[in-house]
Amino acid sequence: MSMQALRHQGMAAGRRKAPRVKKETVVTRLRSYRDIIAWQRGKQLAKLVYIATSKMPREEMFGLTSQMRRASVSIASNIAEGYGRQSLPDYLKYLRITRGSLAELSTQYEIASELESLPADIVITELMPEVERVPQALILSLERKLI
């Protein structure tokens, strides 16, 4: 064998590929807005508000009942819309709108409770602060990515 052939064999032997090792893939990105905890809690809150407001007086149907239902639905809806726009600045904008809708709902819930138009619901009362905290934490986390 020629020297050149030996070199070629040696180089080929030295360039062997390492055996393939299967890597576990960890999904770090969300696949859908449905994976977002804030959206899940917001949707849960909307369902509870719809159930609670169905017990309000009929004369409130086009007033406080309607306002509370629209505000509660807009919480999860804005999270979904912001995520769907696939832009971090837009997503942050819609998360802030979500917080505004929650403040609106919280105020309306307080008014309805004080007027005794709405029976007290401990689940809603406990869920609202959580629904407020989760988007705020998400906003702070995403803002850090912009820096």
N, C-alpha and C. Protein backbone atom coordinates (compact mmCIF):
# COMPACT_ATOMS: atom_id res chain seq x y z
N MET A 1 0.84 -1.17 0.00
CA MET A 1 0.00 0.00 0.00
C MET A 1 0.88 1.23 0.00
N SER A 2 0.42 2.18 -0.75
CA SER A 2 1.21 3.40 -0.83
C SER A 2 1.04 4.22 0.45
N MET A 3 1.96 5.12 0.64
CA MET A 3 1.94 6.00 1.79
C MET A 3 0.67 6.85 1.79
N GLN A 4 0.28 7.26 0.62
CA GLN A 4 -0.91 8.10 0.50
C GLN A 4 -2.16 7.30 0.90
N ALA A 5 -2.22 6.04 0.52
CA ALA A 5 -3.37 5.20 0.88
C ALA A 5 -3.40 4.96 2.38
N LEU A 6 -2.23 4.77 3.01
CA LEU A 6 -2.18 4.59 4.46
C LEU A 6 -2.65 5.85 5.19
N ARG A 7 -2.18 7.01 4.72
CA ARG A 7 -2.62 8.27 5.32
C ARG A 7 -4.14 8.42 5.22
N HIS A 8 -4.66 8.06 4.05
CA HIS A 8 -6.10 8.20 3.82
C HIS A 8 -6.87 7.29 4.79
N GLN A 9 -6.40 6.06 4.98
CA GLN A 9 -7.05 5.14 5.91
C GLN A 9 -6.96 5.66 7.33
N GLY A 10 -5.82 6.18 7.71
CA GLY A 10 -5.62 6.72 9.05
C GLY A 10 -6.51 7.92 9.32
N MET A 11 -6.62 8.78 8.31
CA MET A 11 -7.47 9.96 8.46
C MET A 11 -8.93 9.54 8.55
N ALA A 12 -9.29 8.55 7.73
CA ALA A 12 -10.67 8.09 7.76
C ALA A 12 -10.98 7.46 9.10
N ALA A 13 -10.02 6.71 9.64
CA ALA A 13 -10.24 6.08 10.93
C ALA A 13 -10.35 7.13 12.03
N GLY A 14 -9.61 8.21 11.92
CA GLY A 14 -9.64 9.27 12.94
C GLY A 14 -10.89 10.13 12.85
N ARG A 15 -11.58 10.07 11.73
CA ARG A 15 -12.77 10.90 11.55
C ARG A 15 -14.06 10.14 11.79
N ARG A 16 -13.97 9.10 12.49
CA ARG A 16 -15.20 8.34 12.75
C ARG A 16 -16.17 9.20 13.56
N LYS A 17 -17.40 9.04 13.18
CA LYS A 17 -18.43 9.81 13.88
C LYS A 17 -18.71 9.16 15.22
N ALA A 18 -18.96 10.01 16.20
CA ALA A 18 -19.34 9.50 17.51
C ALA A 18 -20.70 8.84 17.40
N PRO A 19 -20.93 7.81 18.19
CA PRO A 19 -22.23 7.14 18.12
C PRO A 19 -23.35 8.13 18.47
N ARG A 20 -24.47 7.99 17.76
CA ARG A 20 -25.60 8.89 18.01
C ARG A 20 -26.22 8.57 19.36
N VAL A 21 -26.40 9.58 20.14
CA VAL A 21 -27.05 9.44 21.43
C VAL A 21 -28.39 10.16 21.33
N LYS A 22 -29.44 9.46 21.71
CA LYS A 22 -30.75 10.09 21.67
C LYS A 22 -30.83 11.12 22.78
N LYS A 23 -31.20 12.32 22.39
CA LYS A 23 -31.36 13.38 23.36
C LYS A 23 -32.83 13.52 23.68
N GLU A 24 -33.13 13.66 24.97
CA GLU A 24 -34.50 13.92 25.34
C GLU A 24 -34.80 15.38 25.03
N THR A 25 -35.87 15.59 24.36
CA THR A 25 -36.23 16.96 24.03
C THR A 25 -37.20 17.47 25.08
N VAL A 26 -36.88 18.60 25.62
CA VAL A 26 -37.73 19.24 26.61
C VAL A 26 -38.43 20.38 25.91
N VAL A 27 -39.75 20.36 25.96
CA VAL A 27 -40.51 21.42 25.32
C VAL A 27 -40.47 22.63 26.24
N THR A 28 -39.78 23.67 25.79
CA THR A 28 -39.67 24.87 26.59
C THR A 28 -40.58 25.96 26.06
N ARG A 29 -41.06 25.77 24.85
CA ARG A 29 -41.95 26.78 24.26
C ARG A 29 -43.39 26.28 24.36
N LEU A 30 -44.27 27.23 24.52
CA LEU A 30 -45.68 26.90 24.58
C LEU A 30 -46.15 26.52 23.18
N ARG A 31 -47.02 25.55 23.09
CA ARG A 31 -47.56 25.15 21.80
C ARG A 31 -48.80 25.97 21.46
N SER A 32 -49.47 26.48 22.48
CA SER A 32 -50.72 27.19 22.26
C SER A 32 -50.98 28.12 23.45
N TYR A 33 -51.82 29.10 23.25
CA TYR A 33 -52.22 29.96 24.36
C TYR A 33 -52.95 29.15 25.42
N ARG A 34 -53.49 28.00 25.04
CA ARG A 34 -54.20 27.15 26.00
C ARG A 34 -53.25 26.58 27.07
N ASP A 35 -51.95 26.60 26.81
CA ASP A 35 -50.97 26.11 27.77
C ASP A 35 -50.64 27.17 28.82
N ILE A 36 -51.09 28.38 28.63
CA ILE A 36 -50.76 29.48 29.54
C ILE A 36 -51.69 29.42 30.76
N ILE A 37 -51.10 29.35 31.94
CA ILE A 37 -51.86 29.25 33.19
C ILE A 37 -52.81 30.44 33.33
N ALA A 38 -52.36 31.63 32.97
CA ALA A 38 -53.20 32.82 33.08
C ALA A 38 -54.46 32.67 32.23
N TRP A 39 -54.33 32.10 31.04
CA TRP A 39 -55.49 31.89 30.18
C TRP A 39 -56.44 30.86 30.81
N GLN A 40 -55.88 29.79 31.35
CA GLN A 40 -56.69 28.74 31.97
C GLN A 40 -57.49 29.29 33.15
N ARG A 41 -56.81 30.08 34.00
CA ARG A 41 -57.50 30.66 35.17
C ARG A 41 -58.53 31.71 34.73
N GLY A 42 -58.20 32.48 33.71
CA GLY A 42 -59.13 33.48 33.21
C GLY A 42 -60.40 32.85 32.66
N LYS A 43 -60.24 31.75 31.94
CA LYS A 43 -61.39 31.04 31.40
C LYS A 43 -62.24 30.45 32.52
N GLN A 44 -61.57 29.92 33.52
CA GLN A 44 -62.27 29.38 34.69
C GLN A 44 -63.07 30.48 35.39
N LEU A 45 -62.45 31.64 35.55
CA LEU A 45 -63.13 32.77 36.19
C LEU A 45 -64.35 33.20 35.37
N ALA A 46 -64.24 33.26 34.06
CA ALA A 46 -65.36 33.65 33.20
C ALA A 46 -66.54 32.69 33.38
N LYS A 47 -66.26 31.39 33.43
CA LYS A 47 -67.34 30.43 33.62
C LYS A 47 -68.02 30.64 34.97
N LEU A 48 -67.24 30.88 36.01
CA LEU A 48 -67.81 31.10 37.34
C LEU A 48 -68.64 32.39 37.39
N VAL A 49 -68.17 33.42 36.70
CA VAL A 49 -68.91 34.69 36.65
C VAL A 49 -70.24 34.49 35.92
N TYR A 50 -70.23 33.75 34.83
CA TYR A 50 -71.48 33.47 34.11
C TYR A 50 -72.47 32.74 35.01
N ILE A 51 -72.00 31.77 35.75
CA ILE A 51 -72.88 31.01 36.65
C ILE A 51 -73.42 31.93 37.75
N ALA A 52 -72.52 32.73 38.35
CA ALA A 52 -72.93 33.62 39.45
C ALA A 52 -73.90 34.69 38.96
N THR A 53 -73.65 35.28 37.81
CA THR A 53 -74.50 36.36 37.33
C THR A 53 -75.86 35.86 36.85
N SER A 54 -75.98 34.57 36.60
CA SER A 54 -77.30 34.02 36.22
C SER A 54 -78.28 34.11 37.39
N LYS A 55 -77.76 34.33 38.58
CA LYS A 55 -78.59 34.45 39.79
C LYS A 55 -78.93 35.90 40.12
N MET A 56 -78.44 36.83 39.30
CA MET A 56 -78.70 38.25 39.55
C MET A 56 -80.13 38.60 39.11
N PRO A 57 -80.68 39.69 39.64
CA PRO A 57 -82.03 40.10 39.26
C PRO A 57 -82.13 40.36 37.75
N ARG A 58 -83.30 40.08 37.19
CA ARG A 58 -83.54 40.26 35.75
C ARG A 58 -83.30 41.69 35.30
N GLU A 59 -83.60 42.66 36.16
CA GLU A 59 -83.43 44.06 35.76
C GLU A 59 -81.95 44.44 35.56
N GLU A 60 -81.06 43.60 36.01
CA GLU A 60 -79.63 43.84 35.81
C GLU A 60 -79.08 43.17 34.55
N MET A 61 -79.94 42.45 33.84
CA MET A 61 -79.49 41.68 32.67
C MET A 61 -78.73 42.54 31.67
N PHE A 62 -79.19 43.77 31.42
CA PHE A 62 -78.53 44.62 30.43
C PHE A 62 -77.63 45.66 31.08
N GLY A 63 -77.44 45.54 32.38
CA GLY A 63 -76.58 46.46 33.11
C GLY A 63 -75.35 45.75 33.64
N LEU A 64 -75.34 45.59 34.94
CA LEU A 64 -74.19 45.01 35.63
C LEU A 64 -73.90 43.56 35.19
N THR A 65 -74.92 42.79 34.97
CA THR A 65 -74.72 41.39 34.54
C THR A 65 -73.95 41.34 33.23
N SER A 66 -74.40 42.12 32.27
CA SER A 66 -73.76 42.15 30.96
C SER A 66 -72.33 42.67 31.06
N GLN A 67 -72.12 43.72 31.83
CA GLN A 67 -70.78 44.29 32.00
C GLN A 67 -69.81 43.27 32.61
N MET A 68 -70.28 42.58 33.65
CA MET A 68 -69.42 41.60 34.33
C MET A 68 -69.08 40.43 33.41
N ARG A 69 -70.04 40.00 32.63
CA ARG A 69 -69.78 38.88 31.73
C ARG A 69 -68.78 39.28 30.65
N ARG A 70 -68.95 40.46 30.09
CA ARG A 70 -68.02 40.91 29.04
C ARG A 70 -66.61 41.10 29.59
N ALA A 71 -66.50 41.68 30.79
CA ALA A 71 -65.17 41.88 31.39
C ALA A 71 -64.50 40.54 31.68
N SER A 72 -65.28 39.58 32.19
CA SER A 72 -64.69 38.28 32.52
C SER A 72 -64.23 37.53 31.28
N VAL A 73 -65.00 37.59 30.21
CA VAL A 73 -64.63 36.91 28.96
C VAL A 73 -63.40 37.57 28.35
N SER A 74 -63.28 38.89 28.50
CA SER A 74 -62.15 39.58 27.87
C SER A 74 -60.81 39.24 28.53
N ILE A 75 -60.82 38.72 29.74
CA ILE A 75 -59.56 38.36 30.41
C ILE A 75 -58.85 37.26 29.61
N ALA A 76 -59.49 36.12 29.45
CA ALA A 76 -58.87 35.02 28.70
C ALA A 76 -58.73 35.37 27.22
N SER A 77 -59.70 36.12 26.69
CA SER A 77 -59.66 36.48 25.26
C SER A 77 -58.45 37.33 24.92
N ASN A 78 -58.12 38.29 25.78
CA ASN A 78 -56.97 39.16 25.52
C ASN A 78 -55.65 38.40 25.64
N ILE A 79 -55.58 37.45 26.55
CA ILE A 79 -54.37 36.63 26.66
C ILE A 79 -54.18 35.85 25.36
N ALA A 80 -55.27 35.26 24.87
CA ALA A 80 -55.20 34.49 23.63
C ALA A 80 -54.85 35.39 22.44
N GLU A 81 -55.48 36.55 22.36
CA GLU A 81 -55.21 37.44 21.23
C GLU A 81 -53.77 37.93 21.24
N GLY A 82 -53.28 38.34 22.40
CA GLY A 82 -51.90 38.81 22.49
C GLY A 82 -50.91 37.73 22.10
N TYR A 83 -51.13 36.51 22.56
CA TYR A 83 -50.26 35.39 22.22
C TYR A 83 -50.31 35.12 20.72
N GLY A 84 -51.51 35.20 20.16
CA GLY A 84 -51.72 34.91 18.75
C GLY A 84 -51.06 35.91 17.82
N ARG A 85 -50.78 37.08 18.28
CA ARG A 85 -50.14 38.09 17.43
C ARG A 85 -48.66 37.83 17.22
N GLN A 86 -48.08 36.95 18.00
CA GLN A 86 -46.69 36.50 17.85
C GLN A 86 -45.69 37.65 17.86
N SER A 87 -45.96 38.63 18.68
CA SER A 87 -45.05 39.76 18.83
C SER A 87 -44.98 40.06 20.32
N LEU A 88 -43.78 40.10 20.85
CA LEU A 88 -43.62 40.34 22.28
C LEU A 88 -44.23 41.67 22.72
N PRO A 89 -44.00 42.78 22.01
CA PRO A 89 -44.64 44.04 22.42
C PRO A 89 -46.17 43.95 22.39
N ASP A 90 -46.73 43.30 21.38
CA ASP A 90 -48.20 43.14 21.32
C ASP A 90 -48.69 42.25 22.46
N TYR A 91 -47.97 41.19 22.73
CA TYR A 91 -48.36 40.28 23.80
C TYR A 91 -48.39 41.03 25.13
N LEU A 92 -47.36 41.82 25.39
CA LEU A 92 -47.33 42.61 26.62
C LEU A 92 -48.50 43.60 26.68
N LYS A 93 -48.80 44.20 25.56
CA LYS A 93 -49.92 45.15 25.49
C LYS A 93 -51.22 44.45 25.88
N TYR A 94 -51.47 43.29 25.33
CA TYR A 94 -52.70 42.57 25.62
C TYR A 94 -52.73 42.00 27.03
N LEU A 95 -51.59 41.66 27.58
CA LEU A 95 -51.55 41.23 28.99
C LEU A 95 -51.92 42.40 29.90
N ARG A 96 -51.51 43.59 29.53
CA ARG A 96 -51.88 44.77 30.33
C ARG A 96 -53.38 45.07 30.19
N ILE A 97 -53.91 44.89 29.02
CA ILE A 97 -55.36 45.05 28.83
C ILE A 97 -56.10 44.02 29.68
N THR A 98 -55.55 42.81 29.76
CA THR A 98 -56.12 41.76 30.60
C THR A 98 -56.21 42.24 32.04
N ARG A 99 -55.15 42.86 32.52
CA ARG A 99 -55.17 43.37 33.90
C ARG A 99 -56.24 44.44 34.08
N GLY A 100 -56.44 45.27 33.06
CA GLY A 100 -57.49 46.28 33.12
C GLY A 100 -58.87 45.65 33.18
N SER A 101 -59.09 44.61 32.39
CA SER A 101 -60.38 43.91 32.41
C SER A 101 -60.63 43.27 33.76
N LEU A 102 -59.58 42.75 34.37
CA LEU A 102 -59.73 42.15 35.69
C LEU A 102 -60.07 43.20 36.74
N ALA A 103 -59.44 44.37 36.65
CA ALA A 103 -59.76 45.46 37.59
C ALA A 103 -61.21 45.89 37.41
N GLU A 104 -61.65 45.96 36.15
CA GLU A 104 -63.04 46.31 35.85
C GLU A 104 -63.99 45.27 36.47
N LEU A 105 -63.70 43.99 36.25
CA LEU A 105 -64.54 42.93 36.80
C LEU A 105 -64.56 42.97 38.32
N SER A 106 -63.41 43.17 38.91
CA SER A 106 -63.32 43.21 40.37
C SER A 106 -64.19 44.34 40.95
N THR A 107 -64.16 45.49 40.31
CA THR A 107 -64.97 46.62 40.74
C THR A 107 -66.46 46.30 40.59
N GLN A 108 -66.83 45.74 39.46
CA GLN A 108 -68.23 45.40 39.22
C GLN A 108 -68.72 44.32 40.19
N TYR A 109 -67.86 43.37 40.49
CA TYR A 109 -68.20 42.30 41.43
C TYR A 109 -68.45 42.89 42.82
N GLU A 110 -67.59 43.83 43.21
CA GLU A 110 -67.76 44.51 44.51
C GLU A 110 -69.08 45.27 44.57
N ILE A 111 -69.38 46.02 43.52
CA ILE A 111 -70.62 46.79 43.47
C ILE A 111 -71.83 45.85 43.56
N ALA A 112 -71.82 44.79 42.76
CA ALA A 112 -72.94 43.84 42.77
C ALA A 112 -73.11 43.19 44.15
N SER A 113 -72.00 42.89 44.78
CA SER A 113 -72.05 42.29 46.12
C SER A 113 -72.60 43.27 47.14
N GLU A 114 -72.14 44.52 47.09
CA GLU A 114 -72.62 45.54 48.03
C GLU A 114 -74.10 45.85 47.83
N LEU A 115 -74.58 45.77 46.59
CA LEU A 115 -76.00 45.97 46.30
C LEU A 115 -76.82 44.73 46.62
N GLU A 116 -76.14 43.68 47.01
CA GLU A 116 -76.74 42.38 47.30
C GLU A 116 -77.48 41.82 46.09
N SER A 117 -76.99 42.17 44.90
CA SER A 117 -77.54 41.63 43.65
C SER A 117 -76.89 40.30 43.31
N LEU A 118 -75.79 40.04 43.94
CA LEU A 118 -74.99 38.86 43.64
C LEU A 118 -74.63 38.16 44.94
N PRO A 119 -74.96 36.89 45.05
CA PRO A 119 -74.57 36.17 46.27
C PRO A 119 -73.05 36.03 46.34
N ALA A 120 -72.50 36.12 47.53
CA ALA A 120 -71.05 35.99 47.70
C ALA A 120 -70.61 34.61 47.23
N ASP A 121 -69.53 34.58 46.48
CA ASP A 121 -68.99 33.33 45.96
C ASP A 121 -67.52 33.27 46.35
N ILE A 122 -67.22 32.41 47.31
CA ILE A 122 -65.86 32.31 47.85
C ILE A 122 -64.87 31.87 46.77
N VAL A 123 -65.30 31.04 45.83
CA VAL A 123 -64.39 30.57 44.77
C VAL A 123 -63.96 31.74 43.89
N ILE A 124 -64.92 32.58 43.51
CA ILE A 124 -64.60 33.76 42.69
C ILE A 124 -63.71 34.71 43.48
N THR A 125 -64.06 34.93 44.73
CA THR A 125 -63.30 35.85 45.59
C THR A 125 -61.85 35.40 45.73
N GLU A 126 -61.61 34.11 45.82
CA GLU A 126 -60.25 33.60 45.95
C GLU A 126 -59.53 33.50 44.61
N LEU A 127 -60.27 33.29 43.53
CA LEU A 127 -59.66 33.13 42.22
C LEU A 127 -59.20 34.47 41.63
N MET A 128 -59.94 35.54 41.91
CA MET A 128 -59.59 36.84 41.31
C MET A 128 -58.16 37.30 41.62
N PRO A 129 -57.70 37.23 42.88
CA PRO A 129 -56.30 37.65 43.13
C PRO A 129 -55.28 36.78 42.39
N GLU A 130 -55.57 35.49 42.23
CA GLU A 130 -54.66 34.62 41.49
C GLU A 130 -54.64 35.00 40.02
N VAL A 131 -55.82 35.27 39.47
CA VAL A 131 -55.90 35.67 38.06
C VAL A 131 -55.18 36.99 37.84
N GLU A 132 -55.10 37.81 38.87
CA GLU A 132 -54.38 39.08 38.77
C GLU A 132 -52.86 38.86 38.87
N ARG A 133 -52.44 37.99 39.75
CA ARG A 133 -51.00 37.74 39.96
C ARG A 133 -50.33 37.08 38.75
N VAL A 134 -50.99 36.11 38.16
CA VAL A 134 -50.35 35.33 37.10
C VAL A 134 -50.00 36.19 35.88
N PRO A 135 -50.93 37.00 35.34
CA PRO A 135 -50.52 37.85 34.20
C PRO A 135 -49.45 38.87 34.59
N GLN A 136 -49.51 39.37 35.82
CA GLN A 136 -48.50 40.34 36.25
C GLN A 136 -47.12 39.69 36.28
N ALA A 137 -47.05 38.47 36.79
CA ALA A 137 -45.77 37.75 36.80
C ALA A 137 -45.28 37.49 35.37
N LEU A 138 -46.20 37.17 34.49
CA LEU A 138 -45.85 36.94 33.09
C LEU A 138 -45.34 38.22 32.44
N ILE A 139 -45.99 39.34 32.74
CA ILE A 139 -45.56 40.64 32.22
C ILE A 139 -44.13 40.94 32.67
N LEU A 140 -43.86 40.77 33.95
CA LEU A 140 -42.52 41.05 34.49
C LEU A 140 -41.47 40.14 33.85
N SER A 141 -41.82 38.88 33.67
CA SER A 141 -40.90 37.93 33.05
C SER A 141 -40.59 38.31 31.60
N LEU A 142 -41.62 38.68 30.86
CA LEU A 142 -41.43 39.04 29.45
C LEU A 142 -40.71 40.38 29.29
N GLU A 143 -40.95 41.32 30.21
CA GLU A 143 -40.26 42.60 30.16
C GLU A 143 -38.75 42.42 30.35
N ARG A 144 -38.36 41.45 31.15
CA ARG A 144 -36.93 41.17 31.36
C ARG A 144 -36.26 40.73 30.06
N LYS A 145 -37.03 40.07 29.20
CA LYS A 145 -36.49 39.61 27.92
C LYS A 145 -36.23 40.76 26.97
N LEU A 146 -36.93 41.88 27.18
CA LEU A 146 -36.75 43.05 26.32
C LEU A 146 -35.49 43.83 26.68
N ILE A 147 -35.02 43.65 27.91
CA ILE A 147 -33.87 44.42 28.39
C ILE A 147 -32.58 43.85 27.84
